[in-house]
Amino acid sequence: MERLVVARRVPQPHQRHDRHPQPVRVYNNSNVEGLAARAANDFRDAGWNVTMVKGYPYGIIYVPTVYFRPGTAEEEEAKQLGAEFNLRVEPRFEGIKDATPGIIVILTKDYNPKSK
């Protein structure tokens, strides 16, 4: 008896960032364990190019915020990300203004995207 094998291409999870090519780094500035990882998965599922997930212990951020370098391609994408996930959007502050290019998201315990 001959066996028929059907090959099927299965889309890889978290690989759809052609809509949003800017790298996104996600930081947790709360005591909520796994918050940055959860948000990173939310962002990836929506097509964002998340490249880093870690804690942010360098100060207190009071509101979940998306940061960008003004006048760069990051600015428009940061505004889109903020609108999509109900996050404040601001230019980078002094402590992160010289960080590697890309969008920076610093989360607080109040992260609760409207799209989820």
PDB file of N, CA and C in Angstrom:
ATOM      1  N   MET A   1       0.843  -1.175   0.000  1.00  0.00           N
ATOM      2  CA  MET A   1       0.000   0.000   0.000  1.00  0.00           C
ATOM      3  C   MET A   1       0.892   1.243   0.000  1.00  0.00           C
ATOM      4  N   GLU A   2       0.611   2.142  -0.891  1.00  0.00           N
ATOM      5  CA  GLU A   2       1.390   3.377  -1.007  1.00  0.00           C
ATOM      6  C   GLU A   2       0.845   4.427  -0.036  1.00  0.00           C
ATOM      7  N   ARG A   3       1.774   5.131   0.627  1.00  0.00           N
ATOM      8  CA  ARG A   3       1.376   6.168   1.585  1.00  0.00           C
ATOM      9  C   ARG A   3       1.509   7.526   0.935  1.00  0.00           C
ATOM     10  N   LEU A   4       0.522   8.319   1.074  1.00  0.00           N
ATOM     11  CA  LEU A   4       0.536   9.676   0.545  1.00  0.00           C
ATOM     12  C   LEU A   4       0.950  10.625   1.659  1.00  0.00           C
ATOM     13  N   VAL A   5       2.012  11.376   1.403  1.00  0.00           N
ATOM     14  CA  VAL A   5       2.486  12.342   2.384  1.00  0.00           C
ATOM     15  C   VAL A   5       2.204  13.735   1.842  1.00  0.00           C
ATOM     16  N   VAL A   6       1.510  14.521   2.622  1.00  0.00           N
ATOM     17  CA  VAL A   6       1.179  15.879   2.211  1.00  0.00           C
ATOM     18  C   VAL A   6       2.033  16.841   3.035  1.00  0.00           C
ATOM     19  N   ALA A   7       2.822  17.631   2.345  1.00  0.00           N
ATOM     20  CA  ALA A   7       3.641  18.623   3.036  1.00  0.00           C
ATOM     21  C   ALA A   7       2.847  19.909   3.180  1.00  0.00           C
ATOM     22  N   ARG A   8       2.928  20.473   4.330  1.00  0.00           N
ATOM     23  CA  ARG A   8       2.193  21.696   4.598  1.00  0.00           C
ATOM     24  C   ARG A   8       3.133  22.663   5.297  1.00  0.00           C
ATOM     25  N   ARG A   9       3.161  23.887   4.846  1.00  0.00           N
ATOM     26  CA  ARG A   9       3.985  24.904   5.481  1.00  0.00           C
ATOM     27  C   ARG A   9       3.221  25.467   6.674  1.00  0.00           C
ATOM     28  N   VAL A  10       3.824  25.343   7.830  1.00  0.00           N
ATOM     29  CA  VAL A  10       3.211  25.852   9.051  1.00  0.00           C
ATOM     30  C   VAL A  10       3.869  27.185   9.382  1.00  0.00           C
ATOM     31  N   PRO A  11       3.069  28.252   9.510  1.00  0.00           N
ATOM     32  CA  PRO A  11       3.673  29.537   9.837  1.00  0.00           C
ATOM     33  C   PRO A  11       4.351  29.491  11.197  1.00  0.00           C
ATOM     34  N   GLN A  12       5.512  30.077  11.267  1.00  0.00           N
ATOM     35  CA  GLN A  12       6.247  30.143  12.522  1.00  0.00           C
ATOM     36  C   GLN A  12       5.646  31.220  13.408  1.00  0.00           C
ATOM     37  N   PRO A  13       5.415  30.930  14.680  1.00  0.00           N
ATOM     38  CA  PRO A  13       4.874  31.962  15.569  1.00  0.00           C
ATOM     39  C   PRO A  13       5.881  33.073  15.763  1.00  0.00           C
ATOM     40  N   HIS A  14       5.385  34.256  15.943  1.00  0.00           N
ATOM     41  CA  HIS A  14       6.206  35.429  16.257  1.00  0.00           C
ATOM     42  C   HIS A  14       7.191  35.784  15.143  1.00  0.00           C
ATOM     43  N   GLN A  15       6.867  35.503  13.901  1.00  0.00           N
ATOM     44  CA  GLN A  15       7.760  35.827  12.794  1.00  0.00           C
ATOM     45  C   GLN A  15       7.163  36.863  11.847  1.00  0.00           C
ATOM     46  N   ARG A  16       6.030  37.474  12.196  1.00  0.00           N
ATOM     47  CA  ARG A  16       5.349  38.388  11.289  1.00  0.00           C
ATOM     48  C   ARG A  16       5.641  39.836  11.636  1.00  0.00           C
ATOM     49  N   HIS A  17       6.838  40.312  11.425  1.00  0.00           N
ATOM     50  CA  HIS A  17       7.112  41.709  11.749  1.00  0.00           C
ATOM     51  C   HIS A  17       7.415  42.541  10.519  1.00  0.00           C
ATOM     52  N   ASP A  18       6.903  42.114   9.365  1.00  0.00           N
ATOM     53  CA  ASP A  18       7.097  42.898   8.159  1.00  0.00           C
ATOM     54  C   ASP A  18       6.306  44.206   8.209  1.00  0.00           C
ATOM     55  N   ARG A  19       5.201  44.230   8.947  1.00  0.00           N
ATOM     56  CA  ARG A  19       4.413  45.453   9.083  1.00  0.00           C
ATOM     57  C   ARG A  19       5.108  46.481   9.961  1.00  0.00           C
ATOM     58  N   HIS A  20       5.886  45.998  10.932  1.00  0.00           N
ATOM     59  CA  HIS A  20       6.532  46.871  11.917  1.00  0.00           C
ATOM     60  C   HIS A  20       8.000  46.458  12.055  1.00  0.00           C
ATOM     61  N   PRO A  21       8.861  46.921  11.166  1.00  0.00           N
ATOM     62  CA  PRO A  21      10.249  46.447  11.170  1.00  0.00           C
ATOM     63  C   PRO A  21      11.136  47.007  12.290  1.00  0.00           C
ATOM     64  N   GLN A  22      10.735  48.097  12.935  1.00  0.00           N
ATOM     65  CA  GLN A  22      11.587  48.662  13.985  1.00  0.00           C
ATOM     66  C   GLN A  22      11.744  47.662  15.138  1.00  0.00           C
ATOM     67  N   PRO A  23      12.972  47.485  15.631  1.00  0.00           N
ATOM     68  CA  PRO A  23      13.139  46.609  16.796  1.00  0.00           C
ATOM     69  C   PRO A  23      12.464  47.213  18.019  1.00  0.00           C
ATOM     70  N   VAL A  24      11.847  46.352  18.825  1.00  0.00           N
ATOM     71  CA  VAL A  24      11.156  46.780  20.039  1.00  0.00           C
ATOM     72  C   VAL A  24      11.775  46.042  21.223  1.00  0.00           C
ATOM     73  N   ARG A  25      12.232  46.821  22.212  1.00  0.00           N
ATOM     74  CA  ARG A  25      12.750  46.242  23.448  1.00  0.00           C
ATOM     75  C   ARG A  25      11.723  46.488  24.548  1.00  0.00           C
ATOM     76  N   VAL A  26      11.393  45.438  25.294  1.00  0.00           N
ATOM     77  CA  VAL A  26      10.331  45.512  26.296  1.00  0.00           C
ATOM     78  C   VAL A  26      10.940  45.295  27.683  1.00  0.00           C
ATOM     79  N   TYR A  27      10.710  46.257  28.575  1.00  0.00           N
ATOM     80  CA  TYR A  27      11.267  46.219  29.924  1.00  0.00           C
ATOM     81  C   TYR A  27      10.143  46.224  30.958  1.00  0.00           C
ATOM     82  N   ASN A  28      10.352  45.471  32.021  1.00  0.00           N
ATOM     83  CA  ASN A  28       9.393  45.399  33.118  1.00  0.00           C
ATOM     84  C   ASN A  28       9.880  46.307  34.244  1.00  0.00           C
ATOM     85  N   ASN A  29       9.101  47.319  34.593  1.00  0.00           N
ATOM     86  CA  ASN A  29       9.430  48.233  35.690  1.00  0.00           C
ATOM     87  C   ASN A  29       8.414  48.056  36.812  1.00  0.00           C
ATOM     88  N   SER A  30       8.060  46.794  37.072  1.00  0.00           N
ATOM     89  CA  SER A  30       7.081  46.501  38.116  1.00  0.00           C
ATOM     90  C   SER A  30       7.541  45.267  38.885  1.00  0.00           C
ATOM     91  N   ASN A  31       6.769  44.900  39.875  1.00  0.00           N
ATOM     92  CA  ASN A  31       7.013  43.662  40.618  1.00  0.00           C
ATOM     93  C   ASN A  31       6.168  42.508  40.082  1.00  0.00           C
ATOM     94  N   VAL A  32       5.516  42.719  38.961  1.00  0.00           N
ATOM     95  CA  VAL A  32       4.672  41.690  38.360  1.00  0.00           C
ATOM     96  C   VAL A  32       5.570  40.759  37.548  1.00  0.00           C
ATOM     97  N   GLU A  33       5.751  39.548  38.055  1.00  0.00           N
ATOM     98  CA  GLU A  33       6.634  38.598  37.391  1.00  0.00           C
ATOM     99  C   GLU A  33       6.086  38.218  36.014  1.00  0.00           C
ATOM    100  N   GLY A  34       6.952  38.239  35.009  1.00  0.00           N
ATOM    101  CA  GLY A  34       6.570  37.829  33.667  1.00  0.00           C
ATOM    102  C   GLY A  34       5.819  38.872  32.861  1.00  0.00           C
ATOM    103  N   LEU A  35       5.690  40.082  33.387  1.00  0.00           N
ATOM    104  CA  LEU A  35       4.919  41.115  32.697  1.00  0.00           C
ATOM    105  C   LEU A  35       5.514  41.463  31.341  1.00  0.00           C
ATOM    106  N   ALA A  36       6.827  41.659  31.280  1.00  0.00           N
ATOM    107  CA  ALA A  36       7.457  42.012  30.005  1.00  0.00           C
ATOM    108  C   ALA A  36       7.315  40.885  28.992  1.00  0.00           C
ATOM    109  N   ALA A  37       7.449  39.650  29.446  1.00  0.00           N
ATOM    110  CA  ALA A  37       7.305  38.512  28.534  1.00  0.00           C
ATOM    111  C   ALA A  37       5.879  38.422  27.994  1.00  0.00           C
ATOM    112  N   ARG A  38       4.897  38.653  28.855  1.00  0.00           N
ATOM    113  CA  ARG A  38       3.493  38.617  28.411  1.00  0.00           C
ATOM    114  C   ARG A  38       3.231  39.703  27.378  1.00  0.00           C
ATOM    115  N   ALA A  39       3.699  40.919  27.677  1.00  0.00           N
ATOM    116  CA  ALA A  39       3.512  42.024  26.738  1.00  0.00           C
ATOM    117  C   ALA A  39       4.265  41.759  25.438  1.00  0.00           C
ATOM    118  N   ALA A  40       5.483  41.233  25.542  1.00  0.00           N
ATOM    119  CA  ALA A  40       6.257  40.926  24.335  1.00  0.00           C
ATOM    120  C   ALA A  40       5.503  39.957  23.444  1.00  0.00           C
ATOM    121  N   ASN A  41       4.872  38.963  24.044  1.00  0.00           N
ATOM    122  CA  ASN A  41       4.081  38.023  23.255  1.00  0.00           C
ATOM    123  C   ASN A  41       2.867  38.703  22.637  1.00  0.00           C
ATOM    124  N   ASP A  42       2.232  39.608  23.382  1.00  0.00           N
ATOM    125  CA  ASP A  42       1.121  40.382  22.814  1.00  0.00           C
ATOM    126  C   ASP A  42       1.593  41.151  21.586  1.00  0.00           C
ATOM    127  N   PHE A  43       2.751  41.813  21.724  1.00  0.00           N
ATOM    128  CA  PHE A  43       3.284  42.630  20.628  1.00  0.00           C
ATOM    129  C   PHE A  43       3.655  41.747  19.438  1.00  0.00           C
ATOM    130  N   ARG A  44       4.343  40.649  19.699  1.00  0.00           N
ATOM    131  CA  ARG A  44       4.736  39.743  18.609  1.00  0.00           C
ATOM    132  C   ARG A  44       3.515  39.199  17.879  1.00  0.00           C
ATOM    133  N   ASP A  45       2.509  38.813  18.633  1.00  0.00           N
ATOM    134  CA  ASP A  45       1.289  38.279  18.014  1.00  0.00           C
ATOM    135  C   ASP A  45       0.630  39.305  17.103  1.00  0.00           C
ATOM    136  N   ALA A  46       0.861  40.582  17.376  1.00  0.00           N
ATOM    137  CA  ALA A  46       0.295  41.656  16.556  1.00  0.00           C
ATOM    138  C   ALA A  46       1.258  42.095  15.447  1.00  0.00           C
ATOM    139  N   GLY A  47       2.382  41.399  15.301  1.00  0.00           N
ATOM    140  CA  GLY A  47       3.299  41.686  14.197  1.00  0.00           C
ATOM    141  C   GLY A  47       4.464  42.604  14.527  1.00  0.00           C
ATOM    142  N   TRP A  48       4.712  42.876  15.803  1.00  0.00           N
ATOM    143  CA  TRP A  48       5.824  43.750  16.190  1.00  0.00           C
ATOM    144  C   TRP A  48       7.103  42.939  16.337  1.00  0.00           C
ATOM    145  N   ASN A  49       8.226  43.574  16.041  1.00  0.00           N
ATOM    146  CA  ASN A  49       9.540  42.942  16.007  1.00  0.00           C
ATOM    147  C   ASN A  49      10.230  43.067  17.374  1.00  0.00           C
ATOM    148  N   VAL A  50       9.793  42.275  18.342  1.00  0.00           N
ATOM    149  CA  VAL A  50      10.367  42.331  19.691  1.00  0.00           C
ATOM    150  C   VAL A  50      11.715  41.623  19.684  1.00  0.00           C
ATOM    151  N   THR A  51      12.750  42.341  20.107  1.00  0.00           N
ATOM    152  CA  THR A  51      14.102  41.793  20.073  1.00  0.00           C
ATOM    153  C   THR A  51      14.710  41.582  21.452  1.00  0.00           C
ATOM    154  N   MET A  52      14.087  42.136  22.505  1.00  0.00           N
ATOM    155  CA  MET A  52      14.637  41.979  23.847  1.00  0.00           C
ATOM    156  C   MET A  52      13.521  42.104  24.878  1.00  0.00           C
ATOM    157  N   VAL A  53      13.641  41.305  25.933  1.00  0.00           N
ATOM    158  CA  VAL A  53      12.693  41.341  27.047  1.00  0.00           C
ATOM    159  C   VAL A  53      13.512  41.237  28.326  1.00  0.00           C
ATOM    160  N   LYS A  54      13.371  42.220  29.226  1.00  0.00           N
ATOM    161  CA  LYS A  54      14.099  42.150  30.495  1.00  0.00           C
ATOM    162  C   LYS A  54      13.530  43.146  31.490  1.00  0.00           C
ATOM    163  N   GLY A  55      14.112  43.178  32.660  1.00  0.00           N
ATOM    164  CA  GLY A  55      13.681  44.110  33.692  1.00  0.00           C
ATOM    165  C   GLY A  55      14.289  45.487  33.498  1.00  0.00           C
ATOM    166  N   TYR A  56      13.659  46.499  34.088  1.00  0.00           N
ATOM    167  CA  TYR A  56      14.178  47.864  34.066  1.00  0.00           C
ATOM    168  C   TYR A  56      14.295  48.357  35.511  1.00  0.00           C
ATOM    169  N   PRO A  57      15.484  48.199  36.129  1.00  0.00           N
ATOM    170  CA  PRO A  57      15.663  48.553  37.534  1.00  0.00           C
ATOM    171  C   PRO A  57      16.265  49.935  37.770  1.00  0.00           C
ATOM    172  N   TYR A  58      16.279  50.791  36.763  1.00  0.00           N
ATOM    173  CA  TYR A  58      17.047  52.042  36.841  1.00  0.00           C
ATOM    174  C   TYR A  58      16.258  53.244  37.328  1.00  0.00           C
ATOM    175  N   GLY A  59      15.076  53.071  37.781  1.00  0.00           N
ATOM    176  CA  GLY A  59      14.250  54.176  38.245  1.00  0.00           C
ATOM    177  C   GLY A  59      12.800  53.760  38.164  1.00  0.00           C
ATOM    178  N   ILE A  60      11.925  54.650  38.552  1.00  0.00           N
ATOM    179  CA  ILE A  60      10.506  54.330  38.557  1.00  0.00           C
ATOM    180  C   ILE A  60       9.807  55.050  37.410  1.00  0.00           C
ATOM    181  N   ILE A  61       9.138  54.281  36.596  1.00  0.00           N
ATOM    182  CA  ILE A  61       8.285  54.802  35.532  1.00  0.00           C
ATOM    183  C   ILE A  61       6.858  54.565  36.033  1.00  0.00           C
ATOM    184  N   TYR A  62       6.029  55.584  35.997  1.00  0.00           N
ATOM    185  CA  TYR A  62       4.709  55.486  36.617  1.00  0.00           C
ATOM    186  C   TYR A  62       3.590  55.001  35.697  1.00  0.00           C
ATOM    187  N   VAL A  63       3.806  55.098  34.390  1.00  0.00           N
ATOM    188  CA  VAL A  63       2.778  54.735  33.420  1.00  0.00           C
ATOM    189  C   VAL A  63       3.441  53.912  32.316  1.00  0.00           C
ATOM    190  N   PRO A  64       2.819  52.828  31.858  1.00  0.00           N
ATOM    191  CA  PRO A  64       3.408  52.073  30.736  1.00  0.00           C
ATOM    192  C   PRO A  64       3.614  53.012  29.541  1.00  0.00           C
ATOM    193  N   THR A  65       4.851  53.053  29.048  1.00  0.00           N
ATOM    194  CA  THR A  65       5.205  54.059  28.043  1.00  0.00           C
ATOM    195  C   THR A  65       6.065  53.479  26.937  1.00  0.00           C
ATOM    196  N   VAL A  66       5.814  53.951  25.725  1.00  0.00           N
ATOM    197  CA  VAL A  66       6.608  53.631  24.548  1.00  0.00           C
ATOM    198  C   VAL A  66       7.505  54.839  24.269  1.00  0.00           C
ATOM    199  N   TYR A  67       8.802  54.601  24.127  1.00  0.00           N
ATOM    200  CA  TYR A  67       9.764  55.684  23.901  1.00  0.00           C
ATOM    201  C   TYR A  67      10.399  55.561  22.520  1.00  0.00           C
ATOM    202  N   PHE A  68      10.677  56.702  21.914  1.00  0.00           N
ATOM    203  CA  PHE A  68      11.261  56.756  20.574  1.00  0.00           C
ATOM    204  C   PHE A  68      12.285  57.890  20.496  1.00  0.00           C
ATOM    205  N   ARG A  69      13.115  57.833  19.448  1.00  0.00           N
ATOM    206  CA  ARG A  69      14.032  58.933  19.145  1.00  0.00           C
ATOM    207  C   ARG A  69      13.311  59.857  18.161  1.00  0.00           C
ATOM    208  N   PRO A  70      13.075  61.114  18.550  1.00  0.00           N
ATOM    209  CA  PRO A  70      12.364  62.046  17.664  1.00  0.00           C
ATOM    210  C   PRO A  70      13.067  62.195  16.311  1.00  0.00           C
ATOM    211  N   GLY A  71      12.239  62.305  15.278  1.00  0.00           N
ATOM    212  CA  GLY A  71      12.773  62.523  13.939  1.00  0.00           C
ATOM    213  C   GLY A  71      13.276  61.268  13.254  1.00  0.00           C
ATOM    214  N   THR A  72      13.033  60.100  13.848  1.00  0.00           N
ATOM    215  CA  THR A  72      13.454  58.846  13.226  1.00  0.00           C
ATOM    216  C   THR A  72      12.215  58.032  12.846  1.00  0.00           C
ATOM    217  N   ALA A  73      12.458  56.932  12.154  1.00  0.00           N
ATOM    218  CA  ALA A  73      11.354  56.037  11.785  1.00  0.00           C
ATOM    219  C   ALA A  73      10.690  55.435  13.021  1.00  0.00           C
ATOM    220  N   GLU A  74      11.390  55.470  14.153  1.00  0.00           N
ATOM    221  CA  GLU A  74      10.816  54.945  15.397  1.00  0.00           C
ATOM    222  C   GLU A  74       9.567  55.725  15.811  1.00  0.00           C
ATOM    223  N   GLU A  75       9.553  57.017  15.528  1.00  0.00           N
ATOM    224  CA  GLU A  75       8.495  57.882  16.043  1.00  0.00           C
ATOM    225  C   GLU A  75       7.105  57.432  15.594  1.00  0.00           C
ATOM    226  N   GLU A  76       6.920  57.234  14.307  1.00  0.00           N
ATOM    227  CA  GLU A  76       5.604  56.843  13.795  1.00  0.00           C
ATOM    228  C   GLU A  76       5.211  55.460  14.293  1.00  0.00           C
ATOM    229  N   GLU A  77       6.162  54.535  14.288  1.00  0.00           N
ATOM    230  CA  GLU A  77       5.842  53.190  14.763  1.00  0.00           C
ATOM    231  C   GLU A  77       5.547  53.183  16.263  1.00  0.00           C
ATOM    232  N   ALA A  78       6.256  53.994  17.031  1.00  0.00           N
ATOM    233  CA  ALA A  78       5.984  54.085  18.472  1.00  0.00           C
ATOM    234  C   ALA A  78       4.556  54.574  18.702  1.00  0.00           C
ATOM    235  N   LYS A  79       4.135  55.545  17.909  1.00  0.00           N
ATOM    236  CA  LYS A  79       2.764  56.059  18.034  1.00  0.00           C
ATOM    237  C   LYS A  79       1.745  54.974  17.686  1.00  0.00           C
ATOM    238  N   GLN A  80       2.044  54.172  16.671  1.00  0.00           N
ATOM    239  CA  GLN A  80       1.147  53.071  16.298  1.00  0.00           C
ATOM    240  C   GLN A  80       1.069  52.026  17.406  1.00  0.00           C
ATOM    241  N   LEU A  81       2.231  51.674  17.955  1.00  0.00           N
ATOM    242  CA  LEU A  81       2.266  50.682  19.025  1.00  0.00           C
ATOM    243  C   LEU A  81       1.497  51.186  20.245  1.00  0.00           C
ATOM    244  N   GLY A  82       1.711  52.438  20.604  1.00  0.00           N
ATOM    245  CA  GLY A  82       1.005  53.023  21.731  1.00  0.00           C
ATOM    246  C   GLY A  82      -0.501  53.023  21.532  1.00  0.00           C
ATOM    247  N   ALA A  83      -0.941  53.381  20.336  1.00  0.00           N
ATOM    248  CA  ALA A  83      -2.379  53.408  20.051  1.00  0.00           C
ATOM    249  C   ALA A  83      -2.971  51.997  20.077  1.00  0.00           C
ATOM    250  N   GLU A  84      -2.232  51.045  19.539  1.00  0.00           N
ATOM    251  CA  GLU A  84      -2.736  49.672  19.459  1.00  0.00           C
ATOM    252  C   GLU A  84      -2.862  49.018  20.832  1.00  0.00           C
ATOM    253  N   PHE A  85      -1.966  49.378  21.758  1.00  0.00           N
ATOM    254  CA  PHE A  85      -1.947  48.715  23.063  1.00  0.00           C
ATOM    255  C   PHE A  85      -2.249  49.654  24.229  1.00  0.00           C
ATOM    256  N   ASN A  86      -2.783  50.820  23.924  1.00  0.00           N
ATOM    257  CA  ASN A  86      -3.207  51.757  24.962  1.00  0.00           C
ATOM    258  C   ASN A  86      -2.052  52.160  25.892  1.00  0.00           C
ATOM    259  N   LEU A  87      -0.932  52.547  25.284  1.00  0.00           N
ATOM    260  CA  LEU A  87       0.265  52.943  26.024  1.00  0.00           C
ATOM    261  C   LEU A  87       0.579  54.407  25.746  1.00  0.00           C
ATOM    262  N   ARG A  88       1.097  55.094  26.758  1.00  0.00           N
ATOM    263  CA  ARG A  88       1.562  56.467  26.562  1.00  0.00           C
ATOM    264  C   ARG A  88       2.771  56.421  25.626  1.00  0.00           C
ATOM    265  N   VAL A  89       2.957  57.449  24.815  1.00  0.00           N
ATOM    266  CA  VAL A  89       4.077  57.527  23.874  1.00  0.00           C
ATOM    267  C   VAL A  89       4.817  58.834  24.120  1.00  0.00           C
ATOM    268  N   GLU A  90       6.133  58.739  24.304  1.00  0.00           N
ATOM    269  CA  GLU A  90       6.950  59.905  24.625  1.00  0.00           C
ATOM    270  C   GLU A  90       8.310  59.808  23.933  1.00  0.00           C
ATOM    271  N   PRO A  91       8.945  60.957  23.677  1.00  0.00           N
ATOM    272  CA  PRO A  91      10.344  60.915  23.243  1.00  0.00           C
ATOM    273  C   PRO A  91      11.191  60.313  24.372  1.00  0.00           C
ATOM    274  N   ARG A  92      12.307  59.733  24.020  1.00  0.00           N
ATOM    275  CA  ARG A  92      13.193  59.158  25.028  1.00  0.00           C
ATOM    276  C   ARG A  92      13.621  60.220  26.039  1.00  0.00           C
ATOM    277  N   PHE A  93      13.751  59.817  27.293  1.00  0.00           N
ATOM    278  CA  PHE A  93      14.225  60.723  28.338  1.00  0.00           C
ATOM    279  C   PHE A  93      15.737  60.603  28.474  1.00  0.00           C
ATOM    280  N   GLU A  94      16.319  61.461  29.257  1.00  0.00           N
ATOM    281  CA  GLU A  94      17.781  61.563  29.379  1.00  0.00           C
ATOM    282  C   GLU A  94      18.459  60.216  29.642  1.00  0.00           C
ATOM    283  N   GLY A  95      17.910  59.415  30.508  1.00  0.00           N
ATOM    284  CA  GLY A  95      18.543  58.154  30.885  1.00  0.00           C
ATOM    285  C   GLY A  95      18.601  57.107  29.785  1.00  0.00           C
ATOM    286  N   ILE A  96      17.770  57.227  28.750  1.00  0.00           N
ATOM    287  CA  ILE A  96      17.765  56.232  27.658  1.00  0.00           C
ATOM    288  C   ILE A  96      17.974  56.866  26.289  1.00  0.00           C
ATOM    289  N   LYS A  97      18.202  58.164  26.242  1.00  0.00           N
ATOM    290  CA  LYS A  97      18.253  58.843  24.932  1.00  0.00           C
ATOM    291  C   LYS A  97      19.376  58.337  24.033  1.00  0.00           C
ATOM    292  N   ASP A  98      20.462  57.835  24.622  1.00  0.00           N
ATOM    293  CA  ASP A  98      21.582  57.350  23.815  1.00  0.00           C
ATOM    294  C   ASP A  98      21.624  55.830  23.687  1.00  0.00           C
ATOM    295  N   ALA A  99      20.548  55.160  24.110  1.00  0.00           N
ATOM    296  CA  ALA A  99      20.491  53.699  23.997  1.00  0.00           C
ATOM    297  C   ALA A  99      20.443  53.292  22.524  1.00  0.00           C
ATOM    298  N   THR A 100      20.701  52.041  22.275  1.00  0.00           N
ATOM    299  CA  THR A 100      20.694  51.484  20.929  1.00  0.00           C
ATOM    300  C   THR A 100      19.408  51.864  20.197  1.00  0.00           C
ATOM    301  N   PRO A 101      19.476  52.101  18.891  1.00  0.00           N
ATOM    302  CA  PRO A 101      18.268  52.432  18.129  1.00  0.00           C
ATOM    303  C   PRO A 101      17.178  51.374  18.288  1.00  0.00           C
ATOM    304  N   GLY A 102      15.953  51.845  18.200  1.00  0.00           N
ATOM    305  CA  GLY A 102      14.787  50.974  18.315  1.00  0.00           C
ATOM    306  C   GLY A 102      13.794  51.561  19.298  1.00  0.00           C
ATOM    307  N   ILE A 103      12.614  51.015  19.269  1.00  0.00           N
ATOM    308  CA  ILE A 103      11.542  51.442  20.173  1.00  0.00           C
ATOM    309  C   ILE A 103      11.764  50.786  21.533  1.00  0.00           C
ATOM    310  N   ILE A 104      11.580  51.556  22.585  1.00  0.00           N
ATOM    311  CA  ILE A 104      11.725  51.050  23.949  1.00  0.00           C
ATOM    312  C   ILE A 104      10.367  51.143  24.633  1.00  0.00           C
ATOM    313  N   VAL A 105       9.921  50.024  25.204  1.00  0.00           N
ATOM    314  CA  VAL A 105       8.669  49.993  25.957  1.00  0.00           C
ATOM    315  C   VAL A 105       9.030  49.671  27.400  1.00  0.00           C
ATOM    316  N   ILE A 106       8.644  50.561  28.316  1.00  0.00           N
ATOM    317  CA  ILE A 106       8.843  50.302  29.739  1.00  0.00           C
ATOM    318  C   ILE A 106       7.462  50.155  30.365  1.00  0.00           C
ATOM    319  N   LEU A 107       7.225  48.972  30.934  1.00  0.00           N
ATOM    320  CA  LEU A 107       5.915  48.627  31.459  1.00  0.00           C
ATOM    321  C   LEU A 107       5.828  48.809  32.966  1.00  0.00           C
ATOM    322  N   THR A 108       4.633  49.102  33.422  1.00  0.00           N
ATOM    323  CA  THR A 108       4.328  49.140  34.843  1.00  0.00           C
ATOM    324  C   THR A 108       3.216  48.125  35.099  1.00  0.00           C
ATOM    325  N   LYS A 109       2.859  47.959  36.351  1.00  0.00           N
ATOM    326  CA  LYS A 109       1.803  47.005  36.707  1.00  0.00           C
ATOM    327  C   LYS A 109       0.476  47.323  36.037  1.00  0.00           C
ATOM    328  N   ASP A 110       0.341  48.535  35.511  1.00  0.00           N
ATOM    329  CA  ASP A 110      -0.903  48.966  34.884  1.00  0.00           C
ATOM    330  C   ASP A 110      -1.045  48.516  33.432  1.00  0.00           C
ATOM    331  N   TYR A 111      -0.084  47.742  32.916  1.00  0.00           N
ATOM    332  CA  TYR A 111      -0.192  47.272  31.533  1.00  0.00           C
ATOM    333  C   TYR A 111      -1.447  46.423  31.381  1.00  0.00           C
ATOM    334  N   ASN A 112      -2.333  46.868  30.516  1.00  0.00           N
ATOM    335  CA  ASN A 112      -3.582  46.159  30.233  1.00  0.00           C
ATOM    336  C   ASN A 112      -4.064  46.638  28.878  1.00  0.00           C
ATOM    337  N   PRO A 113      -3.531  46.051  27.815  1.00  0.00           N
ATOM    338  CA  PRO A 113      -3.844  46.580  26.480  1.00  0.00           C
ATOM    339  C   PRO A 113      -5.327  46.472  26.144  1.00  0.00           C
ATOM    340  N   LYS A 114      -5.829  47.519  25.538  1.00  0.00           N
ATOM    341  CA  LYS A 114      -7.253  47.529  25.165  1.00  0.00           C
ATOM    342  C   LYS A 114      -7.564  46.505  24.090  1.00  0.00           C
ATOM    343  N   SER A 115      -6.546  46.103  23.321  1.00  0.00           N
ATOM    344  CA  SER A 115      -6.810  45.168  22.226  1.00  0.00           C
ATOM    345  C   SER A 115      -6.853  43.711  22.695  1.00  0.00           C
ATOM    346  N   LYS A 116      -6.580  43.441  23.950  1.00  0.00           N
ATOM    347  CA  LYS A 116      -6.571  42.061  24.448  1.00  0.00           C
ATOM    348  C   LYS A 116      -7.779  41.769  25.280  1.00  0.00           C
TER     349      LYS A 116
END
